[in-house]
Amino acid sequence: MTLRTIESEFSEELLKQVKDEFPLDLTLDGPIMSQLHPKIIWSKLQFQHNPQQEAPQISIPGWHTAYFANLQDAQAAYPEIKLVFEGKLWMFAKFLQDQHQLAIIDFPPLGTVVLSKNELPLSNSPGLHQHLLPHWIAYALSPELWGAQGKWTRFHSRLHQILKDHNLLNGEDTVGYYPLIDKARSLERYGFQGTNFEKSYLLVLPWTFSLAALEKLEEIIRQEF
């Protein structure tokens, strides 16, 4: 299979993802991502056309990793690890904030990552996940997201401030997790689908929440509240 064929399929996959974001599923049980990162799409296509190629070796400063096709395989390989969670943005942010040293993190549909501050025993689990997860976890831990000018650093600062200014918060918020007062349920009319949770209207952001969505939410808050 030629590189031109892969490039053509890559363009097609990217175009499939270009769609109107709304309504946005920001529910507690919503997907952790609504689109795939371009590097993930590219790696997936390369593997499909050349499954014998070596998996990428991506070094992540300060972290050691092991990759598995699913949560069950990861837990079977590392039964001693007690911190296990789905890789939703807010849960991952809390993991970083609390400075945990070790966890099993499930990132459906990509696979499962064992993330540790200490070196991990060698573990062989071949498959597509070995080609996708290194790119994903390198991105998920990158300064591009968490640095002083990173996406989630800036997004959370803006969201927290506007929600606070308009007295919409109902409890403590964190990156990607926003419990709002009851009247904020009206946001659903504008395509921001949240969860009715413990007398709050809860918005949980996916990793793919965009700047355009943030700006639209800010605009609606200013107009409605």
C-alpha atoms as a PDB file:
ATOM      1  CA  MET A   1       0.000   0.000   0.000  1.00  0.00           C
ATOM      2  CA  THR A   2       1.441   3.348  -1.030  1.00  0.00           C
ATOM      3  CA  LEU A   3       1.895   6.414   1.114  1.00  0.00           C
ATOM      4  CA  ARG A   4      -0.448   8.245  -1.266  1.00  0.00           C
ATOM      5  CA  THR A   5      -3.220   5.773  -0.430  1.00  0.00           C
ATOM      6  CA  ILE A   6      -2.719   6.298   3.305  1.00  0.00           C
ATOM      7  CA  GLU A   7      -2.702  10.068   2.827  1.00  0.00           C
ATOM      8  CA  SER A   8      -5.960   9.862   0.868  1.00  0.00           C
ATOM      9  CA  GLU A   9      -7.628   7.771   3.576  1.00  0.00           C
ATOM     10  CA  PHE A  10      -6.246  10.116   6.234  1.00  0.00           C
ATOM     11  CA  SER A  11      -7.873  13.105   4.520  1.00  0.00           C
ATOM     12  CA  GLU A  12     -11.162  11.217   4.289  1.00  0.00           C
ATOM     13  CA  GLU A  13     -11.088  10.376   8.000  1.00  0.00           C
ATOM     14  CA  LEU A  14     -10.362  13.979   8.936  1.00  0.00           C
ATOM     15  CA  LEU A  15     -13.259  15.199   6.791  1.00  0.00           C
ATOM     16  CA  LYS A  16     -15.621  12.753   8.505  1.00  0.00           C
ATOM     17  CA  GLN A  17     -14.791  14.438  11.798  1.00  0.00           C
ATOM     18  CA  VAL A  18     -15.565  17.934  10.508  1.00  0.00           C
ATOM     19  CA  LYS A  19     -19.158  18.385  11.601  1.00  0.00           C
ATOM     20  CA  ASP A  20     -21.305  20.693  13.655  1.00  0.00           C
ATOM     21  CA  GLU A  21     -20.379  20.091  17.302  1.00  0.00           C
ATOM     22  CA  PHE A  22     -23.856  20.734  18.643  1.00  0.00           C
ATOM     23  CA  PRO A  23     -25.557  19.323  20.528  1.00  0.00           C
ATOM     24  CA  LEU A  24     -22.579  18.578  22.774  1.00  0.00           C
ATOM     25  CA  ASP A  25     -22.731  15.545  25.040  1.00  0.00           C
ATOM     26  CA  LEU A  26     -21.339  16.943  28.291  1.00  0.00           C
ATOM     27  CA  THR A  27     -23.093  14.380  30.461  1.00  0.00           C
ATOM     28  CA  LEU A  28     -21.399  12.454  33.245  1.00  0.00           C
ATOM     29  CA  ASP A  29     -21.514   9.263  31.183  1.00  0.00           C
ATOM     30  CA  GLY A  30     -20.617  10.912  27.880  1.00  0.00           C
ATOM     31  CA  PRO A  31     -17.667   9.809  25.732  1.00  0.00           C
ATOM     32  CA  ILE A  32     -14.186  10.901  26.791  1.00  0.00           C
ATOM     33  CA  MET A  33     -13.566  12.184  23.261  1.00  0.00           C
ATOM     34  CA  SER A  34     -15.877  12.906  20.332  1.00  0.00           C
ATOM     35  CA  GLN A  35     -13.094  12.904  17.733  1.00  0.00           C
ATOM     36  CA  LEU A  36      -9.725  11.252  17.302  1.00  0.00           C
ATOM     37  CA  HIS A  37      -6.491  13.239  17.375  1.00  0.00           C
ATOM     38  CA  PRO A  38      -4.935  13.417  13.866  1.00  0.00           C
ATOM     39  CA  LYS A  39      -1.836  11.545  15.071  1.00  0.00           C
ATOM     40  CA  ILE A  40      -4.093   8.725  16.242  1.00  0.00           C
ATOM     41  CA  ILE A  41      -5.852   8.522  12.885  1.00  0.00           C
ATOM     42  CA  TRP A  42      -2.526   8.510  11.024  1.00  0.00           C
ATOM     43  CA  SER A  43      -1.054   5.796  13.235  1.00  0.00           C
ATOM     44  CA  LYS A  44      -4.195   3.677  12.927  1.00  0.00           C
ATOM     45  CA  LEU A  45      -4.058   3.781   9.138  1.00  0.00           C
ATOM     46  CA  GLN A  46      -0.354   2.965   9.083  1.00  0.00           C
ATOM     47  CA  PHE A  47      -0.948  -0.060  11.296  1.00  0.00           C
ATOM     48  CA  GLN A  48      -3.878  -1.253   9.200  1.00  0.00           C
ATOM     49  CA  HIS A  49      -1.757  -1.210   6.040  1.00  0.00           C
ATOM     50  CA  ASN A  50       1.435  -2.433   7.688  1.00  0.00           C
ATOM     51  CA  PRO A  51       0.674  -4.347  10.911  1.00  0.00           C
ATOM     52  CA  GLN A  52       4.251  -5.638  11.106  1.00  0.00           C
ATOM     53  CA  GLN A  53       5.766  -2.211  11.657  1.00  0.00           C
ATOM     54  CA  GLU A  54       7.308  -1.455  15.022  1.00  0.00           C
ATOM     55  CA  ALA A  55       5.298   0.467  17.574  1.00  0.00           C
ATOM     56  CA  PRO A  56       6.518   4.022  18.283  1.00  0.00           C
ATOM     57  CA  GLN A  57       8.892   4.497  21.194  1.00  0.00           C
ATOM     58  CA  ILE A  58       7.859   7.811  22.718  1.00  0.00           C
ATOM     59  CA  SER A  59       9.626   8.963  25.859  1.00  0.00           C
ATOM     60  CA  ILE A  60       7.526  10.985  28.305  1.00  0.00           C
ATOM     61  CA  PRO A  61       9.651  12.919  30.819  1.00  0.00           C
ATOM     62  CA  GLY A  62       8.984  11.800  34.376  1.00  0.00           C
ATOM     63  CA  TRP A  63       6.722   8.880  33.450  1.00  0.00           C
ATOM     64  CA  HIS A  64       6.914   5.185  32.619  1.00  0.00           C
ATOM     65  CA  THR A  65       4.156   3.483  30.648  1.00  0.00           C
ATOM     66  CA  ALA A  66       2.709   0.133  29.643  1.00  0.00           C
ATOM     67  CA  TYR A  67      -0.054  -0.271  27.076  1.00  0.00           C
ATOM     68  CA  PHE A  68      -2.905  -2.773  26.847  1.00  0.00           C
ATOM     69  CA  ALA A  69      -5.838  -3.436  24.548  1.00  0.00           C
ATOM     70  CA  ASN A  70      -8.354  -3.222  27.384  1.00  0.00           C
ATOM     71  CA  LEU A  71      -8.808  -2.663  31.096  1.00  0.00           C
ATOM     72  CA  GLN A  72      -9.045  -6.360  31.933  1.00  0.00           C
ATOM     73  CA  ASP A  73      -5.633  -7.128  30.418  1.00  0.00           C
ATOM     74  CA  ALA A  74      -4.017  -4.220  32.263  1.00  0.00           C
ATOM     75  CA  GLN A  75      -5.463  -5.274  35.619  1.00  0.00           C
ATOM     76  CA  ALA A  76      -4.415  -8.873  35.043  1.00  0.00           C
ATOM     77  CA  ALA A  77      -0.835  -7.752  34.366  1.00  0.00           C
ATOM     78  CA  TYR A  78      -0.715  -5.309  37.303  1.00  0.00           C
ATOM     79  CA  PRO A  79      -3.164  -6.572  39.957  1.00  0.00           C
ATOM     80  CA  GLU A  80      -1.306  -4.653  42.676  1.00  0.00           C
ATOM     81  CA  ILE A  81      -2.349  -1.268  41.257  1.00  0.00           C
ATOM     82  CA  LYS A  82      -5.364  -0.003  43.182  1.00  0.00           C
ATOM     83  CA  LEU A  83      -5.998   3.338  41.472  1.00  0.00           C
ATOM     84  CA  VAL A  84      -8.029   2.495  38.365  1.00  0.00           C
ATOM     85  CA  PHE A  85     -10.225   4.956  36.485  1.00  0.00           C
ATOM     86  CA  GLU A  86     -11.649   5.881  33.101  1.00  0.00           C
ATOM     87  CA  GLY A  87      -9.580   8.571  31.431  1.00  0.00           C
ATOM     88  CA  LYS A  88     -12.147  11.323  31.436  1.00  0.00           C
ATOM     89  CA  LEU A  89     -10.591  14.769  31.338  1.00  0.00           C
ATOM     90  CA  TRP A  90     -11.648  15.768  34.877  1.00  0.00           C
ATOM     91  CA  MET A  91     -10.462  12.486  36.395  1.00  0.00           C
ATOM     92  CA  PHE A  92      -7.115  12.735  34.625  1.00  0.00           C
ATOM     93  CA  ALA A  93      -6.727  16.358  35.743  1.00  0.00           C
ATOM     94  CA  LYS A  94      -7.399  15.321  39.342  1.00  0.00           C
ATOM     95  CA  PHE A  95      -4.844  12.507  39.002  1.00  0.00           C
ATOM     96  CA  LEU A  96      -2.226  15.086  37.996  1.00  0.00           C
ATOM     97  CA  GLN A  97      -3.318  17.637  40.587  1.00  0.00           C
ATOM     98  CA  ASP A  98      -3.132  15.086  43.407  1.00  0.00           C
ATOM     99  CA  GLN A  99       0.329  14.028  42.178  1.00  0.00           C
ATOM    100  CA  HIS A 100      -0.408  10.315  42.154  1.00  0.00           C
ATOM    101  CA  GLN A 101       2.508   8.075  41.308  1.00  0.00           C
ATOM    102  CA  LEU A 102       0.753   5.078  39.755  1.00  0.00           C
ATOM    103  CA  ALA A 103      -2.547   4.276  38.049  1.00  0.00           C
ATOM    104  CA  ILE A 104      -4.316   2.189  35.432  1.00  0.00           C
ATOM    105  CA  ILE A 105      -6.237   4.524  33.133  1.00  0.00           C
ATOM    106  CA  ASP A 106      -8.746   3.310  30.545  1.00  0.00           C
ATOM    107  CA  PHE A 107      -9.063   5.402  27.377  1.00  0.00           C
ATOM    108  CA  PRO A 108     -11.832   3.861  25.282  1.00  0.00           C
ATOM    109  CA  PRO A 109     -11.760   3.295  22.348  1.00  0.00           C
ATOM    110  CA  LEU A 110      -7.941   3.462  22.232  1.00  0.00           C
ATOM    111  CA  GLY A 111      -7.002   1.028  25.010  1.00  0.00           C
ATOM    112  CA  THR A 112      -5.620   1.196  28.538  1.00  0.00           C
ATOM    113  CA  VAL A 113      -2.461   2.815  29.927  1.00  0.00           C
ATOM    114  CA  VAL A 114      -0.497   1.920  33.024  1.00  0.00           C
ATOM    115  CA  LEU A 115       1.140   5.160  34.128  1.00  0.00           C
ATOM    116  CA  SER A 116       3.874   5.199  36.756  1.00  0.00           C
ATOM    117  CA  LYS A 117       6.500   7.534  38.159  1.00  0.00           C
ATOM    118  CA  ASN A 118       8.702   4.467  38.718  1.00  0.00           C
ATOM    119  CA  GLU A 119      10.027   1.994  36.189  1.00  0.00           C
ATOM    120  CA  LEU A 120       7.577  -0.747  35.229  1.00  0.00           C
ATOM    121  CA  PRO A 121       8.347  -4.415  34.563  1.00  0.00           C
ATOM    122  CA  LEU A 122       8.467  -5.280  30.889  1.00  0.00           C
ATOM    123  CA  SER A 123       5.058  -6.255  29.576  1.00  0.00           C
ATOM    124  CA  ASN A 124       4.325  -7.516  26.080  1.00  0.00           C
ATOM    125  CA  SER A 125       0.835  -6.857  24.756  1.00  0.00           C
ATOM    126  CA  PRO A 126       1.034  -6.501  20.954  1.00  0.00           C
ATOM    127  CA  GLY A 127      -1.702  -4.924  18.867  1.00  0.00           C
ATOM    128  CA  LEU A 128      -3.097  -1.690  17.518  1.00  0.00           C
ATOM    129  CA  HIS A 129      -3.129  -0.105  20.986  1.00  0.00           C
ATOM    130  CA  GLN A 130       0.693  -0.149  21.045  1.00  0.00           C
ATOM    131  CA  HIS A 131       0.658   2.182  18.048  1.00  0.00           C
ATOM    132  CA  LEU A 132      -2.087   4.540  19.261  1.00  0.00           C
ATOM    133  CA  LEU A 133      -1.631   4.933  23.007  1.00  0.00           C
ATOM    134  CA  PRO A 134       1.958   6.272  23.013  1.00  0.00           C
ATOM    135  CA  HIS A 135       0.842   9.217  20.874  1.00  0.00           C
ATOM    136  CA  TRP A 136      -2.252   9.774  23.003  1.00  0.00           C
ATOM    137  CA  ILE A 137      -0.632   9.702  26.430  1.00  0.00           C
ATOM    138  CA  ALA A 138       2.229  11.924  25.248  1.00  0.00           C
ATOM    139  CA  TYR A 139      -0.415  14.457  24.145  1.00  0.00           C
ATOM    140  CA  ALA A 140      -2.528  13.999  27.293  1.00  0.00           C
ATOM    141  CA  LEU A 141       0.484  14.838  29.501  1.00  0.00           C
ATOM    142  CA  SER A 142       1.928  17.586  27.314  1.00  0.00           C
ATOM    143  CA  PRO A 143       2.596  21.247  28.181  1.00  0.00           C
ATOM    144  CA  GLU A 144       0.367  21.966  25.182  1.00  0.00           C
ATOM    145  CA  LEU A 145      -2.511  21.078  27.492  1.00  0.00           C
ATOM    146  CA  TRP A 146      -1.213  21.739  31.002  1.00  0.00           C
ATOM    147  CA  GLY A 147       1.482  24.397  30.701  1.00  0.00           C
ATOM    148  CA  ALA A 148       0.962  27.991  31.823  1.00  0.00           C
ATOM    149  CA  GLN A 149      -0.549  28.762  28.408  1.00  0.00           C
ATOM    150  CA  GLY A 150      -1.863  25.236  27.813  1.00  0.00           C
ATOM    151  CA  LYS A 151      -5.343  24.521  26.528  1.00  0.00           C
ATOM    152  CA  TRP A 152      -6.871  23.251  29.776  1.00  0.00           C
ATOM    153  CA  THR A 153      -5.066  25.770  31.934  1.00  0.00           C
ATOM    154  CA  ARG A 154      -6.593  28.599  29.906  1.00  0.00           C
ATOM    155  CA  PHE A 155     -10.003  26.976  29.316  1.00  0.00           C
ATOM    156  CA  HIS A 156     -10.544  26.260  33.002  1.00  0.00           C
ATOM    157  CA  SER A 157      -9.455  29.733  34.038  1.00  0.00           C
ATOM    158  CA  ARG A 158     -11.959  31.310  31.651  1.00  0.00           C
ATOM    159  CA  LEU A 159     -14.815  28.963  32.508  1.00  0.00           C
ATOM    160  CA  HIS A 160     -14.301  29.182  36.254  1.00  0.00           C
ATOM    161  CA  GLN A 161     -14.219  32.974  36.150  1.00  0.00           C
ATOM    162  CA  ILE A 162     -17.342  33.479  34.048  1.00  0.00           C
ATOM    163  CA  LEU A 163     -19.325  30.897  36.031  1.00  0.00           C
ATOM    164  CA  LYS A 164     -18.235  32.561  39.260  1.00  0.00           C
ATOM    165  CA  ASP A 165     -19.002  36.051  37.969  1.00  0.00           C
ATOM    166  CA  HIS A 166     -22.550  34.993  37.036  1.00  0.00           C
ATOM    167  CA  ASN A 167     -23.106  33.031  40.270  1.00  0.00           C
ATOM    168  CA  LEU A 168     -23.711  29.769  38.402  1.00  0.00           C
ATOM    169  CA  LEU A 169     -21.433  27.439  40.342  1.00  0.00           C
ATOM    170  CA  ASN A 170     -23.050  25.039  42.796  1.00  0.00           C
ATOM    171  CA  GLY A 171     -20.070  23.533  44.581  1.00  0.00           C
ATOM    172  CA  GLU A 172     -16.389  23.167  43.780  1.00  0.00           C
ATOM    173  CA  ASP A 173     -15.400  22.948  40.140  1.00  0.00           C
ATOM    174  CA  THR A 174     -12.234  21.535  38.643  1.00  0.00           C
ATOM    175  CA  VAL A 175     -10.776  21.188  35.158  1.00  0.00           C
ATOM    176  CA  GLY A 176     -13.515  19.666  32.988  1.00  0.00           C
ATOM    177  CA  TYR A 177     -16.050  19.307  35.830  1.00  0.00           C
ATOM    178  CA  TYR A 178     -18.591  22.074  36.491  1.00  0.00           C
ATOM    179  CA  PRO A 179     -21.544  21.645  38.921  1.00  0.00           C
ATOM    180  CA  LEU A 180     -23.996  24.456  38.213  1.00  0.00           C
ATOM    181  CA  ILE A 181     -27.121  25.787  39.909  1.00  0.00           C
ATOM    182  CA  ASP A 182     -30.546  24.597  38.843  1.00  0.00           C
ATOM    183  CA  LYS A 183     -31.378  27.453  36.476  1.00  0.00           C
ATOM    184  CA  ALA A 184     -28.316  26.588  34.386  1.00  0.00           C
ATOM    185  CA  ARG A 185     -30.344  23.677  32.989  1.00  0.00           C
ATOM    186  CA  SER A 186     -31.487  26.165  30.365  1.00  0.00           C
ATOM    187  CA  LEU A 187     -28.078  25.679  28.709  1.00  0.00           C
ATOM    188  CA  GLU A 188     -29.462  22.444  27.306  1.00  0.00           C
ATOM    189  CA  ARG A 189     -31.659  24.477  24.956  1.00  0.00           C
ATOM    190  CA  TYR A 190     -28.473  25.741  23.322  1.00  0.00           C
ATOM    191  CA  GLY A 191     -26.934  22.313  22.840  1.00  0.00           C
ATOM    192  CA  PHE A 192     -24.931  21.904  26.060  1.00  0.00           C
ATOM    193  CA  GLN A 193     -26.324  18.613  27.333  1.00  0.00           C
ATOM    194  CA  GLY A 194     -25.414  18.031  30.971  1.00  0.00           C
ATOM    195  CA  THR A 195     -26.504  15.760  33.813  1.00  0.00           C
ATOM    196  CA  ASN A 196     -29.004  16.410  36.595  1.00  0.00           C
ATOM    197  CA  PHE A 197     -26.826  15.349  39.519  1.00  0.00           C
ATOM    198  CA  GLU A 198     -27.353  15.947  43.244  1.00  0.00           C
ATOM    199  CA  LYS A 199     -29.404  19.151  42.785  1.00  0.00           C
ATOM    200  CA  SER A 200     -26.893  20.444  40.248  1.00  0.00           C
ATOM    201  CA  TYR A 201     -26.750  20.696  36.491  1.00  0.00           C
ATOM    202  CA  LEU A 202     -23.383  19.100  35.845  1.00  0.00           C
ATOM    203  CA  LEU A 203     -21.247  19.784  32.769  1.00  0.00           C
ATOM    204  CA  VAL A 204     -18.397  17.329  32.135  1.00  0.00           C
ATOM    205  CA  LEU A 205     -16.090  18.274  29.270  1.00  0.00           C
ATOM    206  CA  PRO A 206     -14.552  15.757  26.854  1.00  0.00           C
ATOM    207  CA  TRP A 207     -10.924  16.043  25.766  1.00  0.00           C
ATOM    208  CA  THR A 208     -12.176  17.344  22.412  1.00  0.00           C
ATOM    209  CA  PHE A 209     -14.105  20.332  23.809  1.00  0.00           C
ATOM    210  CA  SER A 210     -13.109  23.113  21.437  1.00  0.00           C
ATOM    211  CA  LEU A 211     -12.355  26.823  21.609  1.00  0.00           C
ATOM    212  CA  ALA A 212     -15.446  27.472  19.471  1.00  0.00           C
ATOM    213  CA  ALA A 213     -17.600  25.610  22.006  1.00  0.00           C
ATOM    214  CA  LEU A 214     -16.014  27.542  24.874  1.00  0.00           C
ATOM    215  CA  GLU A 215     -16.675  30.864  23.180  1.00  0.00           C
ATOM    216  CA  LYS A 216     -20.285  29.914  22.453  1.00  0.00           C
ATOM    217  CA  LEU A 217     -20.830  28.880  26.071  1.00  0.00           C
ATOM    218  CA  GLU A 218     -19.331  32.148  27.312  1.00  0.00           C
ATOM    219  CA  GLU A 219     -21.565  34.130  24.956  1.00  0.00           C
ATOM    220  CA  ILE A 220     -24.724  32.335  26.102  1.00  0.00           C
ATOM    221  CA  ILE A 221     -23.831  32.817  29.783  1.00  0.00           C
ATOM    222  CA  ARG A 222     -23.365  36.564  29.244  1.00  0.00           C
ATOM    223  CA  GLN A 223     -26.682  36.844  27.405  1.00  0.00           C
ATOM    224  CA  GLU A 224     -28.840  34.573  29.580  1.00  0.00           C
ATOM    225  CA  PHE A 225     -27.536  35.030  33.111  1.00  0.00           C
END
